[in-house]
Amino acid sequence: MDDQVKSYLYNILNAINEIESFYINQPKQFEVYKVDIRTKRAVERNIEIMGEAMNRIMRKYPTITITNAKKIIDVRNRIVHGYDNVSDEIIWGIVIKHLPVLEKEVSQLLNEE
């Protein structure tokens, strides 16, 4: 894996860590998330970053094994191009269910080198 792909993986990891940092001083609850417009937009932006980084990784290194890589790219595209149809429930589901898996996989890939 080349340094550029590692950089993209670090970008994904940093975006995940930033999302997690939003919940240091507030509860990680959907009811809180859906009324906090600043946090919602910041989470969406970080998901955009992850999706773009994943897209670049997949173009350069298509054999990389990351669960839901295509879905991550699709969500990024939905946020960017279908901004008026972004579901708080779907974004929250990503934060709660999928980011922990992605964080583990990205960390493992970075530790392999």
PDB file of N, CA and C in Angstrom:
ATOM      1  N   MET A   1       0.846  -1.172   0.000  1.00  0.00           N
ATOM      2  CA  MET A   1       0.000   0.000   0.000  1.00  0.00           C
ATOM      3  C   MET A   1       0.894   1.238   0.000  1.00  0.00           C
ATOM      4  N   ASP A   2       0.608   2.160  -0.891  1.00  0.00           N
ATOM      5  CA  ASP A   2       1.469   3.335  -0.993  1.00  0.00           C
ATOM      6  C   ASP A   2       1.077   4.417   0.022  1.00  0.00           C
ATOM      7  N   ASP A   3       1.922   5.428   0.105  1.00  0.00           N
ATOM      8  CA  ASP A   3       1.737   6.486   1.094  1.00  0.00           C
ATOM      9  C   ASP A   3       0.458   7.288   0.863  1.00  0.00           C
ATOM     10  N   GLN A   4       0.050   7.447  -0.381  1.00  0.00           N
ATOM     11  CA  GLN A   4      -1.164   8.200  -0.664  1.00  0.00           C
ATOM     12  C   GLN A   4      -2.398   7.475  -0.118  1.00  0.00           C
ATOM     13  N   VAL A   5      -2.443   6.176  -0.302  1.00  0.00           N
ATOM     14  CA  VAL A   5      -3.559   5.391   0.236  1.00  0.00           C
ATOM     15  C   VAL A   5      -3.541   5.445   1.763  1.00  0.00           C
ATOM     16  N   LYS A   6      -2.373   5.371   2.353  1.00  0.00           N
ATOM     17  CA  LYS A   6      -2.269   5.496   3.816  1.00  0.00           C
ATOM     18  C   LYS A   6      -2.794   6.857   4.268  1.00  0.00           C
ATOM     19  N   SER A   7      -2.488   7.890   3.515  1.00  0.00           N
ATOM     20  CA  SER A   7      -2.973   9.228   3.845  1.00  0.00           C
ATOM     21  C   SER A   7      -4.497   9.276   3.821  1.00  0.00           C
ATOM     22  N   TYR A   8      -5.104   8.654   2.820  1.00  0.00           N
ATOM     23  CA  TYR A   8      -6.559   8.602   2.745  1.00  0.00           C
ATOM     24  C   TYR A   8      -7.146   7.824   3.926  1.00  0.00           C
ATOM     25  N   LEU A   9      -6.476   6.737   4.299  1.00  0.00           N
ATOM     26  CA  LEU A   9      -6.935   5.965   5.462  1.00  0.00           C
ATOM     27  C   LEU A   9      -6.852   6.803   6.737  1.00  0.00           C
ATOM     28  N   TYR A  10      -5.780   7.570   6.873  1.00  0.00           N
ATOM     29  CA  TYR A  10      -5.672   8.473   8.025  1.00  0.00           C
ATOM     30  C   TYR A  10      -6.765   9.538   7.994  1.00  0.00           C
ATOM     31  N   ASN A  11      -7.116  10.022   6.810  1.00  0.00           N
ATOM     32  CA  ASN A  11      -8.203  10.995   6.703  1.00  0.00           C
ATOM     33  C   ASN A  11      -9.518  10.400   7.206  1.00  0.00           C
ATOM     34  N   ILE A  12      -9.763   9.147   6.863  1.00  0.00           N
ATOM     35  CA  ILE A  12     -10.967   8.458   7.337  1.00  0.00           C
ATOM     36  C   ILE A  12     -10.931   8.333   8.858  1.00  0.00           C
ATOM     37  N   LEU A  13      -9.805   7.887   9.374  1.00  0.00           N
ATOM     38  CA  LEU A  13      -9.662   7.719  10.821  1.00  0.00           C
ATOM     39  C   LEU A  13      -9.821   9.050  11.553  1.00  0.00           C
ATOM     40  N   ASN A  14      -9.252  10.105  11.019  1.00  0.00           N
ATOM     41  CA  ASN A  14      -9.384  11.428  11.635  1.00  0.00           C
ATOM     42  C   ASN A  14     -10.836  11.906  11.621  1.00  0.00           C
ATOM     43  N   ALA A  15     -11.551  11.638  10.536  1.00  0.00           N
ATOM     44  CA  ALA A  15     -12.955  12.041  10.465  1.00  0.00           C
ATOM     45  C   ALA A  15     -13.788  11.277  11.500  1.00  0.00           C
ATOM     46  N   ILE A  16     -13.508  10.002  11.661  1.00  0.00           N
ATOM     47  CA  ILE A  16     -14.208   9.207  12.681  1.00  0.00           C
ATOM     48  C   ILE A  16     -13.906   9.761  14.069  1.00  0.00           C
ATOM     49  N   ASN A  17     -12.651  10.032  14.337  1.00  0.00           N
ATOM     50  CA  ASN A  17     -12.257  10.570  15.645  1.00  0.00           C
ATOM     51  C   ASN A  17     -12.897  11.926  15.913  1.00  0.00           C
ATOM     52  N   GLU A  18     -13.016  12.742  14.882  1.00  0.00           N
ATOM     53  CA  GLU A  18     -13.658  14.040  15.058  1.00  0.00           C
ATOM     54  C   GLU A  18     -15.129  13.868  15.419  1.00  0.00           C
ATOM     55  N   ILE A  19     -15.808  12.960  14.736  1.00  0.00           N
ATOM     56  CA  ILE A  19     -17.213  12.695  15.076  1.00  0.00           C
ATOM     57  C   ILE A  19     -17.321  12.231  16.525  1.00  0.00           C
ATOM     58  N   GLU A  20     -16.455  11.326  16.922  1.00  0.00           N
ATOM     59  CA  GLU A  20     -16.478  10.844  18.312  1.00  0.00           C
ATOM     60  C   GLU A  20     -16.223  11.980  19.298  1.00  0.00           C
ATOM     61  N   SER A  21     -15.401  12.940  18.922  1.00  0.00           N
ATOM     62  CA  SER A  21     -15.088  14.055  19.828  1.00  0.00           C
ATOM     63  C   SER A  21     -16.302  14.940  20.098  1.00  0.00           C
ATOM     64  N   PHE A  22     -17.293  14.913  19.233  1.00  0.00           N
ATOM     65  CA  PHE A  22     -18.495  15.716  19.437  1.00  0.00           C
ATOM     66  C   PHE A  22     -19.293  15.237  20.642  1.00  0.00           C
ATOM     67  N   TYR A  23     -19.022  14.012  21.066  1.00  0.00           N
ATOM     68  CA  TYR A  23     -19.816  13.399  22.132  1.00  0.00           C
ATOM     69  C   TYR A  23     -19.052  13.236  23.438  1.00  0.00           C
ATOM     70  N   ILE A  24     -17.989  13.983  23.583  1.00  0.00           N
ATOM     71  CA  ILE A  24     -17.241  13.935  24.841  1.00  0.00           C
ATOM     72  C   ILE A  24     -18.054  14.595  25.952  1.00  0.00           C
ATOM     73  N   ASN A  25     -18.695  15.729  25.662  1.00  0.00           N
ATOM     74  CA  ASN A  25     -19.419  16.490  26.679  1.00  0.00           C
ATOM     75  C   ASN A  25     -20.927  16.497  26.490  1.00  0.00           C
ATOM     76  N   GLN A  26     -21.429  15.670  25.608  1.00  0.00           N
ATOM     77  CA  GLN A  26     -22.879  15.576  25.438  1.00  0.00           C
ATOM     78  C   GLN A  26     -23.251  14.124  25.194  1.00  0.00           C
ATOM     79  N   PRO A  27     -24.487  13.769  25.512  1.00  0.00           N
ATOM     80  CA  PRO A  27     -24.890  12.364  25.346  1.00  0.00           C
ATOM     81  C   PRO A  27     -24.921  11.956  23.873  1.00  0.00           C
ATOM     82  N   LYS A  28     -24.578  10.728  23.632  1.00  0.00           N
ATOM     83  CA  LYS A  28     -24.604  10.177  22.274  1.00  0.00           C
ATOM     84  C   LYS A  28     -25.979   9.543  22.062  1.00  0.00           C
ATOM     85  N   GLN A  29     -26.958  10.426  21.871  1.00  0.00           N
ATOM     86  CA  GLN A  29     -28.343   9.992  21.731  1.00  0.00           C
ATOM     87  C   GLN A  29     -28.944  10.642  20.488  1.00  0.00           C
ATOM     88  N   PHE A  30     -29.775   9.880  19.799  1.00  0.00           N
ATOM     89  CA  PHE A  30     -30.390  10.375  18.573  1.00  0.00           C
ATOM     90  C   PHE A  30     -31.228  11.624  18.821  1.00  0.00           C
ATOM     91  N   GLU A  31     -31.957  11.668  19.920  1.00  0.00           N
ATOM     92  CA  GLU A  31     -32.812  12.814  20.220  1.00  0.00           C
ATOM     93  C   GLU A  31     -31.991  14.100  20.333  1.00  0.00           C
ATOM     94  N   VAL A  32     -30.785  13.994  20.883  1.00  0.00           N
ATOM     95  CA  VAL A  32     -29.896  15.149  21.006  1.00  0.00           C
ATOM     96  C   VAL A  32     -29.334  15.509  19.627  1.00  0.00           C
ATOM     97  N   TYR A  33     -28.911  14.499  18.891  1.00  0.00           N
ATOM     98  CA  TYR A  33     -28.334  14.708  17.558  1.00  0.00           C
ATOM     99  C   TYR A  33     -29.302  15.434  16.623  1.00  0.00           C
ATOM    100  N   LYS A  34     -30.536  14.970  16.554  1.00  0.00           N
ATOM    101  CA  LYS A  34     -31.453  15.483  15.531  1.00  0.00           C
ATOM    102  C   LYS A  34     -31.868  16.935  15.747  1.00  0.00           C
ATOM    103  N   VAL A  35     -31.662  17.486  16.941  1.00  0.00           N
ATOM    104  CA  VAL A  35     -31.996  18.900  17.160  1.00  0.00           C
ATOM    105  C   VAL A  35     -30.769  19.797  17.192  1.00  0.00           C
ATOM    106  N   ASP A  36     -29.587  19.218  17.048  1.00  0.00           N
ATOM    107  CA  ASP A  36     -28.337  19.986  17.089  1.00  0.00           C
ATOM    108  C   ASP A  36     -27.804  20.156  15.664  1.00  0.00           C
ATOM    109  N   ILE A  37     -28.232  21.232  15.014  1.00  0.00           N
ATOM    110  CA  ILE A  37     -27.913  21.450  13.599  1.00  0.00           C
ATOM    111  C   ILE A  37     -26.410  21.530  13.347  1.00  0.00           C
ATOM    112  N   ARG A  38     -25.666  22.130  14.258  1.00  0.00           N
ATOM    113  CA  ARG A  38     -24.215  22.240  14.063  1.00  0.00           C
ATOM    114  C   ARG A  38     -23.551  20.866  14.074  1.00  0.00           C
ATOM    115  N   THR A  39     -23.928  20.045  15.018  1.00  0.00           N
ATOM    116  CA  THR A  39     -23.347  18.708  15.084  1.00  0.00           C
ATOM    117  C   THR A  39     -23.773  17.885  13.872  1.00  0.00           C
ATOM    118  N   LYS A  40     -25.031  18.011  13.471  1.00  0.00           N
ATOM    119  CA  LYS A  40     -25.494  17.272  12.293  1.00  0.00           C
ATOM    120  C   LYS A  40     -24.666  17.633  11.066  1.00  0.00           C
ATOM    121  N   ARG A  41     -24.460  18.921  10.849  1.00  0.00           N
ATOM    122  CA  ARG A  41     -23.693  19.348   9.677  1.00  0.00           C
ATOM    123  C   ARG A  41     -22.231  18.916   9.778  1.00  0.00           C
ATOM    124  N   ALA A  42     -21.681  18.950  10.971  1.00  0.00           N
ATOM    125  CA  ALA A  42     -20.289  18.532  11.154  1.00  0.00           C
ATOM    126  C   ALA A  42     -20.147  17.024  10.922  1.00  0.00           C
ATOM    127  N   VAL A  43     -21.113  16.252  11.393  1.00  0.00           N
ATOM    128  CA  VAL A  43     -21.090  14.797  11.158  1.00  0.00           C
ATOM    129  C   VAL A  43     -21.217  14.519   9.665  1.00  0.00           C
ATOM    130  N   GLU A  44     -22.150  15.189   9.013  1.00  0.00           N
ATOM    131  CA  GLU A  44     -22.332  15.003   7.571  1.00  0.00           C
ATOM    132  C   GLU A  44     -21.052  15.355   6.814  1.00  0.00           C
ATOM    133  N   ARG A  45     -20.406  16.447   7.190  1.00  0.00           N
ATOM    134  CA  ARG A  45     -19.161  16.844   6.515  1.00  0.00           C
ATOM    135  C   ARG A  45     -18.095  15.779   6.688  1.00  0.00           C
ATOM    136  N   ASN A  46     -17.971  15.229   7.872  1.00  0.00           N
ATOM    137  CA  ASN A  46     -16.977  14.189   8.100  1.00  0.00           C
ATOM    138  C   ASN A  46     -17.305  12.919   7.325  1.00  0.00           C
ATOM    139  N   ILE A  47     -18.576  12.614   7.172  1.00  0.00           N
ATOM    140  CA  ILE A  47     -18.960  11.467   6.347  1.00  0.00           C
ATOM    141  C   ILE A  47     -18.632  11.741   4.884  1.00  0.00           C
ATOM    142  N   GLU A  48     -18.813  12.979   4.446  1.00  0.00           N
ATOM    143  CA  GLU A  48     -18.398  13.352   3.087  1.00  0.00           C
ATOM    144  C   GLU A  48     -16.898  13.097   2.900  1.00  0.00           C
ATOM    145  N   ILE A  49     -16.115  13.516   3.865  1.00  0.00           N
ATOM    146  CA  ILE A  49     -14.656  13.324   3.799  1.00  0.00           C
ATOM    147  C   ILE A  49     -14.328  11.838   3.713  1.00  0.00           C
ATOM    148  N   MET A  50     -14.974  11.042   4.554  1.00  0.00           N
ATOM    149  CA  MET A  50     -14.731   9.594   4.529  1.00  0.00           C
ATOM    150  C   MET A  50     -15.101   9.000   3.175  1.00  0.00           C
ATOM    151  N   GLY A  51     -16.226   9.436   2.628  1.00  0.00           N
ATOM    152  CA  GLY A  51     -16.665   8.905   1.338  1.00  0.00           C
ATOM    153  C   GLY A  51     -15.737   9.284   0.207  1.00  0.00           C
ATOM    154  N   GLU A  52     -15.249  10.507   0.213  1.00  0.00           N
ATOM    155  CA  GLU A  52     -14.314  10.934  -0.830  1.00  0.00           C
ATOM    156  C   GLU A  52     -12.982  10.209  -0.697  1.00  0.00           C
ATOM    157  N   ALA A  53     -12.497  10.081   0.529  1.00  0.00           N
ATOM    158  CA  ALA A  53     -11.249   9.338   0.749  1.00  0.00           C
ATOM    159  C   ALA A  53     -11.410   7.884   0.314  1.00  0.00           C
ATOM    160  N   MET A  54     -12.554   7.287   0.633  1.00  0.00           N
ATOM    161  CA  MET A  54     -12.810   5.901   0.243  1.00  0.00           C
ATOM    162  C   MET A  54     -12.866   5.778  -1.270  1.00  0.00           C
ATOM    163  N   ASN A  55     -13.473   6.721  -1.936  1.00  0.00           N
ATOM    164  CA  ASN A  55     -13.543   6.707  -3.397  1.00  0.00           C
ATOM    165  C   ASN A  55     -12.138   6.732  -4.001  1.00  0.00           C
ATOM    166  N   ARG A  56     -11.282   7.587  -3.457  1.00  0.00           N
ATOM    167  CA  ARG A  56      -9.912   7.678  -3.952  1.00  0.00           C
ATOM    168  C   ARG A  56      -9.135   6.390  -3.676  1.00  0.00           C
ATOM    169  N   ILE A  57      -9.371   5.801  -2.525  1.00  0.00           N
ATOM    170  CA  ILE A  57      -8.706   4.532  -2.189  1.00  0.00           C
ATOM    171  C   ILE A  57      -9.134   3.452  -3.174  1.00  0.00           C
ATOM    172  N   MET A  58     -10.423   3.347  -3.411  1.00  0.00           N
ATOM    173  CA  MET A  58     -10.942   2.281  -4.272  1.00  0.00           C
ATOM    174  C   MET A  58     -10.463   2.436  -5.717  1.00  0.00           C
ATOM    175  N   ARG A  59     -10.276   3.666  -6.164  1.00  0.00           N
ATOM    176  CA  ARG A  59      -9.748   3.872  -7.513  1.00  0.00           C
ATOM    177  C   ARG A  59      -8.299   3.431  -7.617  1.00  0.00           C
ATOM    178  N   LYS A  60      -7.548   3.676  -6.562  1.00  0.00           N
ATOM    179  CA  LYS A  60      -6.119   3.397  -6.586  1.00  0.00           C
ATOM    180  C   LYS A  60      -5.792   1.964  -6.151  1.00  0.00           C
ATOM    181  N   TYR A  61      -6.603   1.415  -5.257  1.00  0.00           N
ATOM    182  CA  TYR A  61      -6.311   0.126  -4.629  1.00  0.00           C
ATOM    183  C   TYR A  61      -7.623  -0.657  -4.491  1.00  0.00           C
ATOM    184  N   PRO A  62      -8.214  -1.073  -5.616  1.00  0.00           N
ATOM    185  CA  PRO A  62      -9.552  -1.675  -5.592  1.00  0.00           C
ATOM    186  C   PRO A  62      -9.661  -3.001  -4.849  1.00  0.00           C
ATOM    187  N   THR A  63      -8.558  -3.626  -4.535  1.00  0.00           N
ATOM    188  CA  THR A  63      -8.616  -4.906  -3.834  1.00  0.00           C
ATOM    189  C   THR A  63      -8.610  -4.759  -2.313  1.00  0.00           C
ATOM    190  N   ILE A  64      -8.561  -3.539  -1.825  1.00  0.00           N
ATOM    191  CA  ILE A  64      -8.543  -3.321  -0.381  1.00  0.00           C
ATOM    192  C   ILE A  64      -9.853  -3.846   0.223  1.00  0.00           C
ATOM    193  N   THR A  65      -9.753  -4.412   1.398  1.00  0.00           N
ATOM    194  CA  THR A  65     -10.915  -4.997   2.043  1.00  0.00           C
ATOM    195  C   THR A  65     -11.419  -4.073   3.145  1.00  0.00           C
ATOM    196  N   ILE A  66     -12.497  -3.359   2.830  1.00  0.00           N
ATOM    197  CA  ILE A  66     -13.178  -2.504   3.796  1.00  0.00           C
ATOM    198  C   ILE A  66     -14.669  -2.763   3.640  1.00  0.00           C
ATOM    199  N   THR A  67     -15.290  -3.197   4.725  1.00  0.00           N
ATOM    200  CA  THR A  67     -16.715  -3.478   4.711  1.00  0.00           C
ATOM    201  C   THR A  67     -17.483  -2.228   4.306  1.00  0.00           C
ATOM    202  N   ASN A  68     -18.419  -2.411   3.419  1.00  0.00           N
ATOM    203  CA  ASN A  68     -19.315  -1.328   2.990  1.00  0.00           C
ATOM    204  C   ASN A  68     -18.605  -0.161   2.312  1.00  0.00           C
ATOM    205  N   ALA A  69     -17.473  -0.403   1.690  1.00  0.00           N
ATOM    206  CA  ALA A  69     -16.741   0.680   1.014  1.00  0.00           C
ATOM    207  C   ALA A  69     -17.631   1.390  -0.002  1.00  0.00           C
ATOM    208  N   LYS A  70     -18.344   0.635  -0.808  1.00  0.00           N
ATOM    209  CA  LYS A  70     -19.219   1.230  -1.825  1.00  0.00           C
ATOM    210  C   LYS A  70     -20.346   2.036  -1.188  1.00  0.00           C
ATOM    211  N   LYS A  71     -20.886   1.532  -0.082  1.00  0.00           N
ATOM    212  CA  LYS A  71     -21.968   2.248   0.604  1.00  0.00           C
ATOM    213  C   LYS A  71     -21.472   3.558   1.208  1.00  0.00           C
ATOM    214  N   ILE A  72     -20.239   3.572   1.683  1.00  0.00           N
ATOM    215  CA  ILE A  72     -19.657   4.795   2.235  1.00  0.00           C
ATOM    216  C   ILE A  72     -19.576   5.857   1.135  1.00  0.00           C
ATOM    217  N   ILE A  73     -19.143   5.434  -0.035  1.00  0.00           N
ATOM    218  CA  ILE A  73     -19.073   6.346  -1.185  1.00  0.00           C
ATOM    219  C   ILE A  73     -20.476   6.813  -1.574  1.00  0.00           C
ATOM    220  N   ASP A  74     -21.437   5.890  -1.575  1.00  0.00           N
ATOM    221  CA  ASP A  74     -22.812   6.234  -1.925  1.00  0.00           C
ATOM    222  C   ASP A  74     -23.419   7.254  -0.961  1.00  0.00           C
ATOM    223  N   VAL A  75     -23.142   7.092   0.330  1.00  0.00           N
ATOM    224  CA  VAL A  75     -23.669   8.037   1.317  1.00  0.00           C
ATOM    225  C   VAL A  75     -23.058   9.410   1.101  1.00  0.00           C
ATOM    226  N   ARG A  76     -21.777   9.449   0.814  1.00  0.00           N
ATOM    227  CA  ARG A  76     -21.115  10.727   0.512  1.00  0.00           C
ATOM    228  C   ARG A  76     -21.813  11.412  -0.655  1.00  0.00           C
ATOM    229  N   ASN A  77     -22.076  10.648  -1.709  1.00  0.00           N
ATOM    230  CA  ASN A  77     -22.732  11.209  -2.886  1.00  0.00           C
ATOM    231  C   ASN A  77     -24.146  11.686  -2.564  1.00  0.00           C
ATOM    232  N   ARG A  78     -24.830  10.960  -1.709  1.00  0.00           N
ATOM    233  CA  ARG A  78     -26.191  11.348  -1.313  1.00  0.00           C
ATOM    234  C   ARG A  78     -26.168  12.668  -0.541  1.00  0.00           C
ATOM    235  N   ILE A  79     -25.205  12.818   0.367  1.00  0.00           N
ATOM    236  CA  ILE A  79     -25.102  14.054   1.143  1.00  0.00           C
ATOM    237  C   ILE A  79     -24.781  15.233   0.224  1.00  0.00           C
ATOM    238  N   VAL A  80     -23.847  15.023  -0.688  1.00  0.00           N
ATOM    239  CA  VAL A  80     -23.411  16.109  -1.561  1.00  0.00           C
ATOM    240  C   VAL A  80     -24.479  16.463  -2.603  1.00  0.00           C
ATOM    241  N   HIS A  81     -25.028  15.463  -3.255  1.00  0.00           N
ATOM    242  CA  HIS A  81     -25.923  15.725  -4.387  1.00  0.00           C
ATOM    243  C   HIS A  81     -27.401  15.672  -4.032  1.00  0.00           C
ATOM    244  N   GLY A  82     -27.735  14.971  -2.966  1.00  0.00           N
ATOM    245  CA  GLY A  82     -29.135  14.867  -2.555  1.00  0.00           C
ATOM    246  C   GLY A  82     -29.325  15.445  -1.176  1.00  0.00           C
ATOM    247  N   TYR A  83     -28.662  16.560  -0.928  1.00  0.00           N
ATOM    248  CA  TYR A  83     -28.648  17.188   0.392  1.00  0.00           C
ATOM    249  C   TYR A  83     -30.041  17.396   0.980  1.00  0.00           C
ATOM    250  N   ASP A  84     -31.035  17.565   0.121  1.00  0.00           N
ATOM    251  CA  ASP A  84     -32.393  17.803   0.599  1.00  0.00           C
ATOM    252  C   ASP A  84     -33.121  16.519   0.982  1.00  0.00           C
ATOM    253  N   ASN A  85     -32.471  15.382   0.780  1.00  0.00           N
ATOM    254  CA  ASN A  85     -33.051  14.082   1.127  1.00  0.00           C
ATOM    255  C   ASN A  85     -32.192  13.299   2.104  1.00  0.00           C
ATOM    256  N   VAL A  86     -31.359  13.980   2.872  1.00  0.00           N
ATOM    257  CA  VAL A  86     -30.503  13.298   3.840  1.00  0.00           C
ATOM    258  C   VAL A  86     -31.340  12.971   5.070  1.00  0.00           C
ATOM    259  N   SER A  87     -31.324  11.707   5.438  1.00  0.00           N
ATOM    260  CA  SER A  87     -32.111  11.232   6.566  1.00  0.00           C
ATOM    261  C   SER A  87     -31.276  11.244   7.842  1.00  0.00           C
ATOM    262  N   ASP A  88     -31.786  11.926   8.863  1.00  0.00           N
ATOM    263  CA  ASP A  88     -31.105  11.922  10.160  1.00  0.00           C
ATOM    264  C   ASP A  88     -30.974  10.501  10.697  1.00  0.00           C
ATOM    265  N   GLU A  89     -31.974   9.684  10.482  1.00  0.00           N
ATOM    266  CA  GLU A  89     -31.960   8.310  10.979  1.00  0.00           C
ATOM    267  C   GLU A  89     -30.839   7.505  10.326  1.00  0.00           C
ATOM    268  N   ILE A  90     -30.662   7.684   9.023  1.00  0.00           N
ATOM    269  CA  ILE A  90     -29.603   6.944   8.321  1.00  0.00           C
ATOM    270  C   ILE A  90     -28.232   7.418   8.771  1.00  0.00           C
ATOM    271  N   ILE A  91     -28.043   8.712   8.868  1.00  0.00           N
ATOM    272  CA  ILE A  91     -26.745   9.239   9.318  1.00  0.00           C
ATOM    273  C   ILE A  91     -26.456   8.756  10.729  1.00  0.00           C
ATOM    274  N   TRP A  92     -27.444   8.801  11.613  1.00  0.00           N
ATOM    275  CA  TRP A  92     -27.246   8.348  12.983  1.00  0.00           C
ATOM    276  C   TRP A  92     -26.923   6.853  13.027  1.00  0.00           C
ATOM    277  N   GLY A  93     -27.583   6.072  12.199  1.00  0.00           N
ATOM    278  CA  GLY A  93     -27.291   4.644  12.125  1.00  0.00           C
ATOM    279  C   GLY A  93     -25.852   4.384  11.711  1.00  0.00           C
ATOM    280  N   ILE A  94     -25.355   5.194  10.812  1.00  0.00           N
ATOM    281  CA  ILE A  94     -23.956   5.083  10.387  1.00  0.00           C
ATOM    282  C   ILE A  94     -23.038   5.380  11.570  1.00  0.00           C
ATOM    283  N   VAL A  95     -23.339   6.452  12.290  1.00  0.00           N
ATOM    284  CA  VAL A  95     -22.502   6.848  13.429  1.00  0.00           C
ATOM    285  C   VAL A  95     -22.462   5.738  14.478  1.00  0.00           C
ATOM    286  N   ILE A  96     -23.601   5.175  14.784  1.00  0.00           N
ATOM    287  CA  ILE A  96     -23.694   4.187  15.866  1.00  0.00           C
ATOM    288  C   ILE A  96     -23.239   2.792  15.440  1.00  0.00           C
ATOM    289  N   LYS A  97     -23.654   2.343  14.273  1.00  0.00           N
ATOM    290  CA  LYS A  97     -23.415   0.948  13.865  1.00  0.00           C
ATOM    291  C   LYS A  97     -22.176   0.749  12.994  1.00  0.00           C
ATOM    292  N   HIS A  98     -21.946   1.657  12.064  1.00  0.00           N
ATOM    293  CA  HIS A  98     -20.939   1.401  11.048  1.00  0.00           C
ATOM    294  C   HIS A  98     -19.576   2.043  11.312  1.00  0.00           C
ATOM    295  N   LEU A  99     -19.550   3.194  11.958  1.00  0.00           N
ATOM    296  CA  LEU A  99     -18.253   3.834  12.207  1.00  0.00           C
ATOM    297  C   LEU A  99     -17.337   3.015  13.108  1.00  0.00           C
ATOM    298  N   PRO A 100     -17.853   2.333  14.137  1.00  0.00           N
ATOM    299  CA  PRO A 100     -16.946   1.496  14.937  1.00  0.00           C
ATOM    300  C   PRO A 100     -16.277   0.390  14.114  1.00  0.00           C
ATOM    301  N   VAL A 101     -17.022  -0.203  13.195  1.00  0.00           N
ATOM    302  CA  VAL A 101     -16.464  -1.243  12.324  1.00  0.00           C
ATOM    303  C   VAL A 101     -15.424  -0.638  11.389  1.00  0.00           C
ATOM    304  N   LEU A 102     -15.769   0.493  10.790  1.00  0.00           N
ATOM    305  CA  LEU A 102     -14.843   1.162   9.869  1.00  0.00           C
ATOM    306  C   LEU A 102     -13.569   1.569  10.592  1.00  0.00           C
ATOM    307  N   GLU A 103     -13.703   2.107  11.789  1.00  0.00           N
ATOM    308  CA  GLU A 103     -12.529   2.516  12.566  1.00  0.00           C
ATOM    309  C   GLU A 103     -11.599   1.328  12.822  1.00  0.00           C
ATOM    310  N   LYS A 104     -12.169   0.203  13.179  1.00  0.00           N
ATOM    311  CA  LYS A 104     -11.378  -1.003  13.446  1.00  0.00           C
ATOM    312  C   LYS A 104     -10.657  -1.471  12.176  1.00  0.00           C
ATOM    313  N   GLU A 105     -11.368  -1.512  11.068  1.00  0.00           N
ATOM    314  CA  GLU A 105     -10.767  -1.971   9.816  1.00  0.00           C
ATOM    315  C   GLU A 105      -9.665  -1.042   9.331  1.00  0.00           C
ATOM    316  N   VAL A 106      -9.907   0.254   9.391  1.00  0.00           N
ATOM    317  CA  VAL A 106      -8.901   1.223   8.950  1.00  0.00           C
ATOM    318  C   VAL A 106      -7.668   1.142   9.844  1.00  0.00           C
ATOM    319  N   SER A 107      -7.869   1.045  11.141  1.00  0.00           N
ATOM    320  CA  SER A 107      -6.731   0.925  12.072  1.00  0.00           C
ATOM    321  C   SER A 107      -5.919  -0.330  11.779  1.00  0.00           C
ATOM    322  N   GLN A 108      -6.605  -1.429  11.506  1.00  0.00           N
ATOM    323  CA  GLN A 108      -5.908  -2.677  11.188  1.00  0.00           C
ATOM    324  C   GLN A 108      -5.094  -2.532   9.905  1.00  0.00           C
ATOM    325  N   LEU A 109      -5.667  -1.908   8.892  1.00  0.00           N
ATOM    326  CA  LEU A 109      -4.939  -1.710   7.634  1.00  0.00           C
ATOM    327  C   LEU A 109      -3.703  -0.848   7.854  1.00  0.00           C
ATOM    328  N   LEU A 110      -3.824   0.178   8.654  1.00  0.00           N
ATOM    329  CA  LEU A 110      -2.674   1.050   8.916  1.00  0.00           C
ATOM    330  C   LEU A 110      -1.609   0.353   9.745  1.00  0.00           C
ATOM    331  N   ASN A 111      -2.020  -0.563  10.595  1.00  0.00           N
ATOM    332  CA  ASN A 111      -1.060  -1.297  11.437  1.00  0.00           C
ATOM    333  C   ASN A 111      -0.377  -2.442  10.692  1.00  0.00           C
ATOM    334  N   GLU A 112      -0.907  -2.823   9.538  1.00  0.00           N
ATOM    335  CA  GLU A 112      -0.292  -3.893   8.746  1.00  0.00           C
ATOM    336  C   GLU A 112       1.037  -3.473   8.134  1.00  0.00           C
ATOM    337  N   GLU A 113       1.170  -2.204   7.890  1.00  0.00           N
ATOM    338  CA  GLU A 113       2.373  -1.718   7.199  1.00  0.00           C
ATOM    339  C   GLU A 113       3.518  -1.510   8.158  1.00  0.00           C
TER     340      GLU A 113
END
